[in-house]
């Protein structure tokens, strides 16, 4: 049974969210053509149907001259604030200088992005971070400014600085008793205040009246936290009223233009996680207030995210479910290649997703019946050159026999009050085994003649040749293909287990890792327990479905 028709005239295979930092990576000045190219040049000809451009680059500063009470025009802030604050970094200077010079030439960056979107043939949406933290330097209270954070910079605004009473505040998180106390949350604005909610609606209306957009996007994952701890349920009707009023304003503006303007929301990856921060998204779906829901993780891709509950919620509605993929993930190893700009060389690290991880995550989402995919911060990935993978992501048939790397998710612990779908890693092996589910979209029973190899990889810390573990998949005990050998040099431990097509199921797979014995002194065992840091299932197909290999000697050896 097909879904009811959407109010949107076009289905989106891939939605591309540009989070706004692209100009910081280019030396000033940027010409008009170069500005257009760095934002949309890598999308031309690919199955990206929707491009989202930020109206707020960081904090509370807009990309255009604004009359909205909550925000300030970034160029005016640059002229008015003597201390450049966040622009002390060279990258921030490049960003601000590129934007300022375009405006000095009479060029509106948002209008340029809109023009290029039309030329490339993708719909143009604006997006807004519903809360943010880029306008301060330290998540501690400023001793000179009660209630405000240290290091406020030019990305702030008078509305934020003059009204500390609108913040969630230290008292607003006092009732939190979970892991990782949310240090930034006291300095986020509290949506219990009508003035805060209206400031978001005002800037939506102003931006959509100024630019000929196709839709508007509220990003509730930047940064999650909208009510005092314990007040989320009471605040949910207020947030629903905000969405309802936004819908009405978009309908009003669209009617004037003879078109329909869409409304999208990015929210935590589970219904429960969304409700935990005061977002009653099921009500928004049932009332038809939103057109697109983007369930997403915060910062790091969650390989265990299951979209089934969202697809079921929207099944008999016109609302489309387009899960989000961020550009990086958490890994229990440090490597020099492919790392993001954060946590370089540290453990756990933050590598950018490679093609195989992207293929696996996307295939799992399509297998759950989603309507499209949403990519966040992938302008970072264009440095890696794997944007060509976009062609495969938009089509489940193209993904079917592409190489994949499935992985168990490392539990980040950031914003645990809304990240309720916790990853199973890292895990310490003791008296109880690690038992975890890994979803696999591939049907290997139909790909036996195409399959090149299928392997389970375990990355273990503090594992020695004198230790014994038992590893199984779907209750079938596996044999390690590369056991540690006494006398060999200590290196990072990645144990390999060869799998057959029959051992891997399409759908859920139970992976169990059990400590059998450790022939080490008790004190050593206590101080250096075996930690399961990473678990990956690698599927490779024969060429031409999978990647081809270069014959020996094809590349000159040095």
Protein backbone atom coordinates (compact mmCIF):
# COMPACT_ATOMS: atom_id res chain seq x y z
CA UNK A 1 0.00 0.00 0.00
CA UNK A 2 1.49 3.33 -1.05
CA UNK A 3 1.67 6.36 1.23
CA UNK A 4 -0.74 9.27 0.75
CA UNK A 5 0.60 11.97 -1.54
CA UNK A 6 2.84 14.56 0.07
CA UNK A 7 2.11 18.27 -0.16
CA UNK A 8 5.64 18.55 -1.55
CA UNK A 9 5.79 18.29 -5.35
CA UNK A 10 9.03 16.32 -5.32
CA UNK A 11 10.41 13.29 -3.48
CA UNK A 12 13.91 13.63 -2.08
CA UNK A 13 16.32 10.76 -2.53
CA UNK A 14 19.15 12.59 -0.78
CA UNK A 15 18.94 15.79 1.25
CA UNK A 16 22.21 17.67 1.74
CA UNK A 17 22.55 19.87 4.82
CA UNK A 18 25.31 22.47 4.53
CA UNK A 19 25.99 23.42 8.14
CA UNK A 20 27.54 26.70 7.08
CA UNK A 21 31.27 26.47 7.64
CA UNK A 22 32.41 25.92 4.06
CA UNK A 23 33.90 29.43 3.47
CA UNK A 24 36.32 28.99 6.38
CA UNK A 25 38.28 26.46 4.33
CA UNK A 26 39.05 28.86 1.48
CA UNK A 27 41.40 31.83 1.37
CA UNK A 28 39.65 35.20 0.89
CA UNK A 29 38.36 36.68 -1.23
CA UNK A 30 35.89 34.34 -2.89
CA UNK A 31 34.50 35.39 -6.25
CA UNK A 32 30.78 34.93 -6.87
CA UNK A 33 31.36 31.92 -9.12
CA UNK A 34 33.81 30.36 -6.69
CA UNK A 35 31.37 30.81 -3.79
CA UNK A 36 28.68 29.02 -5.76
CA UNK A 37 31.02 26.23 -6.77
CA UNK A 38 32.35 25.42 -3.29
CA UNK A 39 28.80 25.06 -1.98
CA UNK A 40 27.05 23.16 -4.78
CA UNK A 41 29.70 22.20 -7.32
CA UNK A 42 30.09 18.70 -5.93
CA UNK A 43 26.33 18.02 -6.09
CA UNK A 44 25.78 18.70 -9.77
CA UNK A 45 24.74 15.56 -11.61
CA UNK A 46 24.27 13.50 -8.45
CA UNK A 47 20.97 12.25 -6.97
CA UNK A 48 20.81 15.05 -4.40
CA UNK A 49 17.34 16.59 -4.66
CA UNK A 50 17.39 19.03 -1.75
CA UNK A 51 20.07 21.46 -0.57
CA UNK A 52 19.75 23.10 2.85
CA UNK A 53 21.58 26.37 3.51
CA UNK A 54 21.93 27.94 6.98
CA UNK A 55 20.30 31.24 7.84
CA UNK A 56 22.41 31.30 11.01
CA UNK A 57 26.09 30.51 10.50
CA UNK A 58 26.89 30.16 14.21
CA UNK A 59 25.24 31.07 17.49
CA UNK A 60 22.76 33.89 16.97
CA UNK A 61 24.16 35.62 13.90
CA UNK A 62 22.31 35.54 10.60
CA UNK A 63 23.60 35.41 7.05
CA UNK A 64 21.50 38.45 6.09
CA UNK A 65 20.49 41.81 7.66
CA UNK A 66 17.82 40.82 10.17
CA UNK A 67 15.01 42.50 12.07
CA UNK A 68 14.29 39.42 14.20
CA UNK A 69 14.60 40.07 17.92
CA UNK A 70 16.75 37.03 18.67
CA UNK A 71 19.45 37.48 16.08
CA UNK A 72 22.07 39.87 14.73
CA UNK A 73 23.56 40.23 11.23
CA UNK A 74 27.04 38.69 11.27
CA UNK A 75 28.61 41.55 9.27
CA UNK A 76 27.21 44.13 11.68
CA UNK A 77 28.55 42.15 14.62
CA UNK A 78 31.95 42.10 12.98
CA UNK A 79 31.84 45.90 12.69
CA UNK A 80 30.49 46.48 16.20
CA UNK A 81 32.42 44.02 18.36
CA UNK A 82 35.96 45.16 19.04
CA UNK A 83 37.02 41.81 20.45
CA UNK A 84 36.60 39.36 17.58
CA UNK A 85 36.10 36.49 20.00
CA UNK A 86 35.54 33.44 17.86
CA UNK A 87 37.32 35.10 14.94
CA UNK A 88 40.67 34.89 16.70
CA UNK A 89 41.19 31.59 14.93
CA UNK A 90 42.46 31.90 11.38
CA UNK A 91 39.68 29.64 10.05
CA UNK A 92 37.00 31.87 11.62
CA UNK A 93 38.69 34.95 10.19
CA UNK A 94 38.64 33.40 6.70
CA UNK A 95 34.97 32.59 7.08
CA UNK A 96 33.96 36.05 8.24
CA UNK A 97 36.17 37.84 5.74
CA UNK A 98 34.74 35.88 2.81
CA UNK A 99 31.17 36.70 3.87
CA UNK A 100 31.95 40.36 4.58
CA UNK A 101 33.64 40.92 1.22
CA UNK A 102 30.69 39.43 -0.67
CA UNK A 103 28.30 41.80 1.09
CA UNK A 104 30.67 44.71 0.42
CA UNK A 105 30.36 43.86 -3.28
CA UNK A 106 26.57 43.90 -3.00
CA UNK A 107 26.33 40.11 -3.14
CA UNK A 108 23.99 38.24 -0.78
CA UNK A 109 25.56 34.81 -0.05
CA UNK A 110 22.19 33.18 0.58
CA UNK A 111 20.81 34.47 -2.71
CA UNK A 112 23.92 33.18 -4.50
CA UNK A 113 23.38 29.72 -3.02
CA UNK A 114 19.72 29.89 -4.08
CA UNK A 115 20.65 30.85 -7.64
CA UNK A 116 23.13 28.00 -7.91
CA UNK A 117 20.60 25.52 -6.52
CA UNK A 118 18.16 26.50 -9.25
CA UNK A 119 20.85 26.14 -11.92
CA UNK A 120 21.92 22.73 -10.62
CA UNK A 121 18.30 21.58 -10.36
CA UNK A 122 17.93 20.91 -6.63
CA UNK A 123 15.31 22.30 -4.27
CA UNK A 124 16.52 25.04 -1.95
CA UNK A 125 15.69 24.99 1.76
CA UNK A 126 16.88 27.13 4.64
CA UNK A 127 17.70 25.62 8.00
CA UNK A 128 18.00 26.90 11.57
CA UNK A 129 19.80 25.49 14.59
CA UNK A 130 17.21 25.65 17.35
CA UNK A 131 19.87 26.05 20.05
CA UNK A 132 23.61 26.49 19.71
CA UNK A 133 26.94 26.67 21.53
CA UNK A 134 29.27 28.25 18.96
CA UNK A 135 28.84 31.71 20.47
CA UNK A 136 30.77 31.00 23.66
CA UNK A 137 34.18 29.62 24.48
CA UNK A 138 33.77 27.78 27.79
CA UNK A 139 30.83 25.94 29.35
CA UNK A 140 31.37 27.59 32.71
CA UNK A 141 29.58 30.61 34.14
CA UNK A 142 31.26 33.93 33.59
CA UNK A 143 32.04 35.34 37.07
CA UNK A 144 31.47 38.86 35.74
CA UNK A 145 28.14 38.14 33.98
CA UNK A 146 25.73 36.13 36.10
CA UNK A 147 24.12 33.23 34.27
CA UNK A 148 26.08 33.68 31.05
CA UNK A 149 28.90 31.45 29.80
CA UNK A 150 32.54 32.48 29.61
CA UNK A 151 34.02 33.67 26.34
CA UNK A 152 30.98 35.10 24.56
CA UNK A 153 32.04 36.08 21.07
CA UNK A 154 30.71 37.89 18.03
CA UNK A 155 28.45 34.95 17.14
CA UNK A 156 26.28 35.93 20.09
CA UNK A 157 23.54 38.59 19.97
CA UNK A 158 22.11 41.27 22.28
CA UNK A 159 18.98 39.14 22.74
CA UNK A 160 21.09 36.29 24.12
CA UNK A 161 23.41 38.48 26.20
CA UNK A 162 20.75 40.76 27.68
CA UNK A 163 18.41 37.99 28.83
CA UNK A 164 20.16 35.38 30.97
CA UNK A 165 16.73 34.73 32.51
CA UNK A 166 15.79 33.04 29.22
CA UNK A 167 18.46 30.37 29.69
CA UNK A 168 17.87 26.90 31.12
CA UNK A 169 20.35 27.81 33.85
CA UNK A 170 22.23 25.84 36.46
CA UNK A 171 19.00 25.24 38.38
CA UNK A 172 17.51 23.75 35.22
CA UNK A 173 19.98 20.85 35.20
CA UNK A 174 20.22 20.38 38.97
CA UNK A 175 17.79 17.48 38.83
CA UNK A 176 19.84 15.50 36.31
CA UNK A 177 21.18 12.26 37.80
CA UNK A 178 22.40 10.40 34.69
CA UNK A 179 25.82 9.97 33.15
CA UNK A 180 27.87 12.84 31.73
CA UNK A 181 26.20 15.90 33.28
CA UNK A 182 25.27 18.24 30.40
CA UNK A 183 27.76 21.07 30.98
CA UNK A 184 26.51 23.14 28.02
CA UNK A 185 22.82 22.83 28.80
CA UNK A 186 22.60 25.66 31.39
CA UNK A 187 23.58 28.11 28.65
CA UNK A 188 21.01 26.97 26.09
CA UNK A 189 17.82 28.99 25.76
CA UNK A 190 14.72 27.67 27.51
CA UNK A 191 11.74 27.27 25.17
CA UNK A 192 9.33 27.60 28.07
CA UNK A 193 9.67 31.35 27.38
CA UNK A 194 7.34 32.72 24.74
CA UNK A 195 10.00 35.23 23.68
CA UNK A 196 12.44 32.44 22.84
CA UNK A 197 9.90 30.50 20.80
CA UNK A 198 8.74 33.60 18.95
CA UNK A 199 12.31 34.54 18.05
CA UNK A 200 12.61 31.30 16.06
CA UNK A 201 9.31 31.83 14.29
CA UNK A 202 10.19 35.44 13.50
CA UNK A 203 13.47 34.52 11.79
CA UNK A 204 11.72 31.72 9.85
CA UNK A 205 9.14 34.19 8.54
CA UNK A 206 11.73 36.84 7.74
CA UNK A 207 13.98 34.41 5.85
CA UNK A 208 11.17 32.75 3.89
CA UNK A 209 9.69 36.11 2.88
CA UNK A 210 13.11 37.35 1.79
CA UNK A 211 14.12 34.29 -0.26
CA UNK A 212 12.16 32.14 -2.73
CA UNK A 213 12.70 28.91 -0.79
CA UNK A 214 11.12 25.49 -1.22
CA UNK A 215 11.04 24.72 2.49
CA UNK A 216 12.38 25.39 5.97
CA UNK A 217 14.15 23.04 8.35
CA UNK A 218 14.28 23.19 12.16
CA UNK A 219 17.36 21.36 13.45
CA UNK A 220 16.65 20.17 17.00
CA UNK A 221 19.94 18.22 17.12
CA UNK A 222 21.92 21.47 17.16
CA UNK A 223 21.98 21.63 20.12
CA UNK A 224 19.56 19.31 22.03
CA UNK A 225 18.14 20.71 25.25
CA UNK A 226 15.02 22.92 25.26
CA UNK A 227 13.54 22.81 28.75
CA UNK A 228 14.70 22.47 32.32
CA UNK A 229 15.25 18.87 33.40
CA UNK A 230 11.88 17.51 34.49
CA UNK A 231 9.88 20.11 32.54
CA UNK A 232 10.06 18.43 29.13
CA UNK A 233 6.58 16.87 29.20
CA UNK A 234 5.04 20.16 30.30
CA UNK A 235 6.93 21.96 27.58
CA UNK A 236 5.95 19.60 24.75
CA UNK A 237 2.60 21.36 24.00
CA UNK A 238 4.46 24.67 23.74
CA UNK A 239 6.87 23.17 21.22
CA UNK A 240 3.96 21.69 19.27
CA UNK A 241 2.37 25.15 19.20
CA UNK A 242 5.64 26.51 17.77
CA UNK A 243 5.53 23.89 15.00
CA UNK A 244 1.84 24.58 14.36
CA UNK A 245 2.41 28.34 14.05
CA UNK A 246 5.43 27.76 11.80
CA UNK A 247 3.31 25.55 9.56
CA UNK A 248 0.67 28.28 9.30
CA UNK A 249 3.26 30.92 8.41
CA UNK A 250 4.79 28.73 5.71
CA UNK A 251 1.32 28.09 4.28
CA UNK A 252 0.61 31.82 4.27
CA UNK A 253 3.87 32.68 2.50
CA UNK A 254 3.47 29.79 0.06
CA UNK A 255 -0.07 30.87 -0.85
CA UNK A 256 1.23 34.30 -1.84
CA UNK A 257 3.78 32.67 -4.13
CA UNK A 258 1.49 30.01 -5.52
CA UNK A 259 3.60 27.14 -4.14
CA UNK A 260 3.82 24.84 -1.15
CA UNK A 261 6.63 25.37 1.34
CA UNK A 262 7.80 22.29 3.21
CA UNK A 263 8.66 21.95 6.89
CA UNK A 264 11.28 19.46 8.05
CA UNK A 265 12.58 18.65 11.55
CA UNK A 266 15.75 16.86 12.63
CA UNK A 267 15.22 15.10 15.95
CA UNK A 268 16.83 12.38 18.12
CA UNK A 269 16.95 8.94 16.56
CA UNK A 270 14.14 7.45 18.67
CA UNK A 271 10.62 8.55 19.50
CA UNK A 272 11.40 8.22 23.21
CA UNK A 273 14.58 10.27 22.83
CA UNK A 274 12.63 13.03 21.11
CA UNK A 275 9.97 13.09 23.81
CA UNK A 276 12.71 13.16 26.44
CA UNK A 277 13.61 16.70 25.34
CA UNK A 278 10.03 17.91 24.87
CA UNK A 279 9.47 17.08 21.19
CA UNK A 280 6.17 15.24 20.62
CA UNK A 281 7.04 14.34 17.04
CA UNK A 282 4.30 11.69 16.69
CA UNK A 283 1.76 14.46 17.32
CA UNK A 284 3.37 16.58 14.62
CA UNK A 285 3.09 13.65 12.21
CA UNK A 286 -0.52 12.85 13.09
CA UNK A 287 -1.59 16.48 12.77
CA UNK A 288 0.20 16.86 9.44
CA UNK A 289 2.33 19.76 10.66
CA UNK A 290 5.60 18.51 9.19
CA UNK A 291 6.50 17.07 5.81
CA UNK A 292 9.83 15.42 6.60
CA UNK A 293 11.18 13.92 9.82
CA UNK A 294 14.92 13.33 10.07
CA UNK A 295 15.69 10.95 12.96
CA UNK A 296 19.39 11.37 13.64
CA UNK A 297 22.25 10.84 16.03
CA UNK A 298 24.27 13.69 17.51
CA UNK A 299 27.65 14.15 15.81
CA UNK A 300 28.58 10.47 15.34
CA UNK A 301 26.74 8.03 13.10
CA UNK A 302 24.83 5.40 15.07
CA UNK A 303 25.14 2.11 13.20
CA UNK A 304 22.47 0.57 15.40
CA UNK A 305 19.81 3.18 14.67
CA UNK A 306 16.60 1.39 13.70
CA UNK A 307 14.08 3.42 11.68
CA UNK A 308 11.24 0.89 11.93
CA UNK A 309 9.31 2.77 14.62
CA UNK A 310 9.47 6.02 12.62
CA UNK A 311 8.43 4.32 9.37
CA UNK A 312 5.47 2.75 11.17
CA UNK A 313 4.43 6.09 12.69
CA UNK A 314 4.37 7.71 9.25
CA UNK A 315 3.13 4.73 7.22
CA UNK A 316 -0.42 5.98 6.59
CA UNK A 317 0.53 9.64 6.41
CA UNK A 318 2.17 11.86 3.77
CA UNK A 319 5.11 12.47 6.11
CA UNK A 320 8.45 11.22 4.81
CA UNK A 321 11.12 9.65 7.00
CA UNK A 322 14.66 10.54 5.92
CA UNK A 323 17.19 9.37 8.53
CA UNK A 324 20.37 11.34 9.01
CA UNK A 325 23.95 10.25 8.45
CA UNK A 326 26.66 12.41 10.00
CA UNK A 327 30.11 12.53 8.43
CA UNK A 328 32.05 10.64 11.10
CA UNK A 329 31.80 7.93 13.73
CA UNK A 330 33.43 6.89 16.98
CA UNK A 331 36.16 4.26 16.73
CA UNK A 332 38.25 2.61 19.43
CA UNK A 333 41.49 3.07 17.54
CA UNK A 334 43.69 5.99 16.58
CA UNK A 335 44.93 6.18 13.00
CA UNK A 336 46.66 8.80 10.94
CA UNK A 337 44.48 8.51 7.84
CA UNK A 338 40.91 9.64 7.42
CA UNK A 339 40.55 11.30 10.80
CA UNK A 340 38.34 14.28 11.27
CA UNK A 341 39.65 17.57 12.61
CA UNK A 342 38.69 16.52 16.13
CA UNK A 343 40.47 14.00 18.35
CA UNK A 344 43.33 13.54 15.90
CA UNK A 345 45.56 10.68 16.98
CA UNK A 346 43.67 10.01 20.21
CA UNK A 347 41.60 7.05 21.35
CA UNK A 348 38.71 6.87 20.81
CA UNK A 349 39.13 8.67 17.54
CA UNK A 350 36.66 10.29 15.18
CA UNK A 351 37.36 8.94 11.67
CA UNK A 352 35.34 10.06 8.71
CA UNK A 353 33.02 7.39 7.34
CA UNK A 354 34.52 5.44 4.47
CA UNK A 355 32.52 4.15 1.50
CA UNK A 356 31.95 0.71 3.03
CA UNK A 357 30.58 2.09 6.31
CA UNK A 358 28.34 4.51 4.41
CA UNK A 359 27.04 1.70 2.19
CA UNK A 360 26.19 -0.44 5.22
CA UNK A 361 24.42 2.33 7.15
CA UNK A 362 22.43 3.44 4.11
CA UNK A 363 21.47 -0.11 3.13
CA UNK A 364 20.12 -0.76 6.63
CA UNK A 365 17.98 2.38 6.45
CA UNK A 366 16.58 1.52 3.02
CA UNK A 367 15.83 -2.02 4.22
CA UNK A 368 13.58 -0.51 6.90
CA UNK A 369 11.48 1.30 4.28
CA UNK A 370 12.65 4.90 4.67
CA UNK A 371 11.75 7.53 2.07
CA UNK A 372 15.17 9.10 1.58
CA UNK A 373 18.45 9.94 3.28
CA UNK A 374 19.72 13.14 4.90
CA UNK A 375 23.43 13.96 5.00
CA UNK A 376 24.76 16.32 7.65
CA UNK A 377 28.17 18.02 7.59
CA UNK A 378 29.29 16.04 4.56
CA UNK A 379 31.10 19.04 3.18
CA UNK A 380 33.82 17.77 5.54
CA UNK A 381 33.83 14.50 3.61
CA UNK A 382 34.39 16.14 0.27
CA UNK A 383 38.02 16.61 1.29
CA UNK A 384 38.27 12.82 1.25
CA UNK A 385 37.00 12.56 -2.31
CA UNK A 386 34.32 9.95 -1.59
CA UNK A 387 31.40 12.15 -2.63
CA UNK A 388 31.18 9.91 -5.71
CA UNK A 389 29.50 7.41 -3.40
CA UNK A 390 26.34 9.55 -3.62
CA UNK A 391 25.23 7.70 -6.74
CA UNK A 392 25.01 4.43 -4.84
CA UNK A 393 23.29 5.82 -1.73
CA UNK A 394 20.16 6.94 -3.53
CA UNK A 395 19.27 3.50 -4.90
CA UNK A 396 18.91 0.33 -2.78
CA UNK A 397 19.47 -1.78 -5.91
CA UNK A 398 22.84 -0.16 -6.50
CA UNK A 399 23.77 -0.72 -2.87
CA UNK A 400 22.80 -4.39 -2.84
CA UNK A 401 26.15 -5.82 -3.93
CA UNK A 402 28.48 -3.00 -2.95
CA UNK A 403 31.20 -3.69 -0.41
CA UNK A 404 30.06 -2.92 3.13
CA UNK A 405 31.42 -2.62 6.63
CA UNK A 406 28.85 -3.07 9.38
CA UNK A 407 29.85 -2.05 12.88
CA UNK A 408 28.64 -1.99 16.44
CA UNK A 409 28.29 1.55 17.77
CA UNK A 410 30.48 2.97 20.50
CA UNK A 411 28.34 4.64 23.15
CA UNK A 412 29.28 8.31 23.01
CA UNK A 413 27.61 9.43 26.22
CA UNK A 414 27.09 12.93 24.84
CA UNK A 415 23.56 14.19 25.49
CA UNK A 416 22.54 10.89 27.12
CA UNK A 417 19.19 12.39 28.13
CA UNK A 418 18.01 12.14 24.51
CA UNK A 419 20.42 9.53 23.08
CA UNK A 420 18.48 6.59 24.48
CA UNK A 421 19.59 4.04 21.87
CA UNK A 422 22.95 3.41 23.50
CA UNK A 423 25.69 1.54 21.65
CA UNK A 424 27.11 -1.65 23.21
CA UNK A 425 30.76 -0.62 22.97
CA UNK A 426 33.22 -0.35 24.61
CA UNK A 427 32.61 -3.45 26.70
CA UNK A 428 34.79 -5.10 29.35
CA UNK A 429 34.89 -8.88 29.27
CA UNK A 430 34.35 -10.43 32.69
CA UNK A 431 32.01 -13.02 34.11
CA UNK A 432 29.27 -11.99 31.66
CA UNK A 433 29.72 -12.18 27.87
CA UNK A 434 29.13 -9.30 25.48
CA UNK A 435 25.98 -10.08 23.51
CA UNK A 436 24.94 -7.56 20.88
CA UNK A 437 22.74 -7.34 17.81
CA UNK A 438 24.13 -6.27 14.45
CA UNK A 439 21.71 -5.59 11.62
CA UNK A 440 22.81 -6.60 8.11
CA UNK A 441 20.86 -5.55 5.01
CA UNK A 442 22.61 -7.95 2.61
CA UNK A 443 20.93 -11.22 1.65
CA UNK A 444 24.06 -13.33 1.27
CA UNK A 445 22.02 -16.45 0.49
CA UNK A 446 21.32 -14.86 -2.91
CA UNK A 447 24.87 -13.67 -3.42
CA UNK A 448 26.96 -16.81 -2.94
CA UNK A 449 28.46 -16.63 -6.45
CA UNK A 450 29.19 -12.91 -6.06
CA UNK A 451 30.68 -13.05 -2.57
CA UNK A 452 34.43 -12.50 -2.34
CA UNK A 453 34.84 -12.62 1.42
CA UNK A 454 32.91 -12.11 4.63
CA UNK A 455 34.78 -11.51 7.87
CA UNK A 456 34.11 -10.57 11.46
CA UNK A 457 36.79 -8.34 13.01
CA UNK A 458 37.30 -7.79 16.73
CA UNK A 459 39.53 -5.03 18.07
CA UNK A 460 40.57 -5.88 21.64
CA UNK A 461 42.55 -3.92 24.20
CA UNK A 462 44.68 -5.69 26.84
CA UNK A 463 44.34 -9.03 25.07
CA UNK A 464 47.32 -11.36 25.18
CA UNK A 465 48.42 -14.68 23.71
CA UNK A 466 47.69 -16.29 27.07
CA UNK A 467 44.00 -15.32 26.96
CA UNK A 468 41.17 -17.38 25.52
CA UNK A 469 37.84 -16.05 24.30
CA UNK A 470 34.89 -17.67 22.54
CA UNK A 471 33.25 -15.79 19.69
CA UNK A 472 29.99 -16.77 18.04
CA UNK A 473 27.51 -15.40 15.55
CA UNK A 474 23.91 -16.56 15.74
CA UNK A 475 25.08 -19.16 18.29
CA UNK A 476 27.62 -20.71 15.94
CA UNK A 477 31.09 -20.73 17.50
CA UNK A 478 33.75 -19.29 15.21
CA UNK A 479 37.45 -20.11 14.75
CA UNK A 480 39.98 -17.29 14.83
CA UNK A 481 41.99 -17.10 11.60
CA UNK A 482 44.85 -15.05 13.08
CA UNK A 483 45.31 -15.99 16.75
CA UNK A 484 48.05 -14.31 18.74
CA UNK A 485 51.30 -16.26 18.71
CA UNK A 486 53.73 -16.28 21.66
CA UNK A 487 57.00 -14.57 20.79
CA UNK A 488 55.51 -12.12 18.31
CA UNK A 489 55.61 -8.37 18.84
CA UNK A 490 52.77 -6.66 20.69
CA UNK A 491 50.65 -4.66 18.23
CA UNK A 492 47.00 -3.54 18.17
CA UNK A 493 44.90 -6.70 18.29
CA UNK A 494 42.44 -7.24 15.46
CA UNK A 495 41.20 -10.83 15.49
CA UNK A 496 39.72 -12.11 12.22
CA UNK A 497 36.97 -14.70 11.82
CA UNK A 498 36.06 -15.97 8.36
CA UNK A 499 32.32 -16.33 7.78
CA UNK A 500 30.23 -18.18 5.23
CA UNK A 501 27.14 -16.78 3.56
CA UNK A 502 25.00 -19.20 5.56
CA UNK A 503 26.24 -17.82 8.88
CA UNK A 504 25.08 -14.23 8.28
CA UNK A 505 21.39 -13.45 8.29
CA UNK A 506 19.58 -10.64 6.55
CA UNK A 507 18.31 -8.62 9.49
CA UNK A 508 19.44 -9.12 13.07
CA UNK A 509 22.57 -11.11 13.90
CA UNK A 510 23.51 -12.01 17.46
CA UNK A 511 27.21 -11.61 18.19
CA UNK A 512 28.54 -13.07 21.42
CA UNK A 513 32.05 -12.64 22.86
CA UNK A 514 32.84 -14.62 26.02
CA UNK A 515 35.96 -14.71 28.15
CA UNK A 516 36.96 -18.35 28.68
CA UNK A 517 40.24 -17.99 30.56
CA UNK A 518 43.11 -15.60 31.44
CA UNK A 519 46.36 -17.08 32.65
CA UNK A 520 47.62 -13.83 34.17
CA UNK A 521 48.21 -12.63 37.76
CA UNK A 522 45.06 -11.36 39.46
CA UNK A 523 46.47 -7.84 39.82
CA UNK A 524 47.23 -7.63 36.10
CA UNK A 525 43.76 -8.86 35.26
CA UNK A 526 42.21 -6.25 37.53
CA UNK A 527 44.29 -3.35 36.19
CA UNK A 528 44.15 -4.40 32.53
CA UNK A 529 40.80 -6.06 31.80
CA UNK A 530 40.10 -7.14 28.23
CA UNK A 531 38.09 -4.45 26.47
CA UNK A 532 36.13 -4.99 23.28
CA UNK A 533 36.82 -1.70 21.50
CA UNK A 534 35.45 -2.33 17.99
CA UNK A 535 33.40 -5.02 16.25
CA UNK A 536 33.08 -4.89 12.47
CA UNK A 537 31.54 -7.23 9.90
CA UNK A 538 33.14 -6.84 6.49
CA UNK A 539 31.43 -7.98 3.28
CA UNK A 540 33.28 -7.81 -0.03
CA UNK A 541 31.89 -8.75 -3.42
CA UNK A 542 33.64 -9.88 -6.56
CA UNK A 543 34.34 -7.33 -9.27
CA UNK A 544 32.47 -5.63 -10.91
CA UNK A 545 29.95 -5.45 -8.03
CA UNK A 546 32.77 -4.94 -5.56
CA UNK A 547 36.02 -3.09 -6.01
CA UNK A 548 38.55 -4.39 -8.47
CA UNK A 549 42.18 -4.93 -7.51
CA UNK A 550 45.29 -3.77 -9.30
CA UNK A 551 47.52 -6.61 -10.51
CA UNK A 552 50.99 -6.92 -8.98
CA UNK A 553 53.39 -4.54 -10.68
CA UNK A 554 50.59 -2.31 -11.99
CA UNK A 555 51.76 0.41 -9.63
CA UNK A 556 55.56 0.78 -9.71
CA UNK A 557 57.15 -0.42 -6.48
CA UNK A 558 59.67 1.80 -4.71
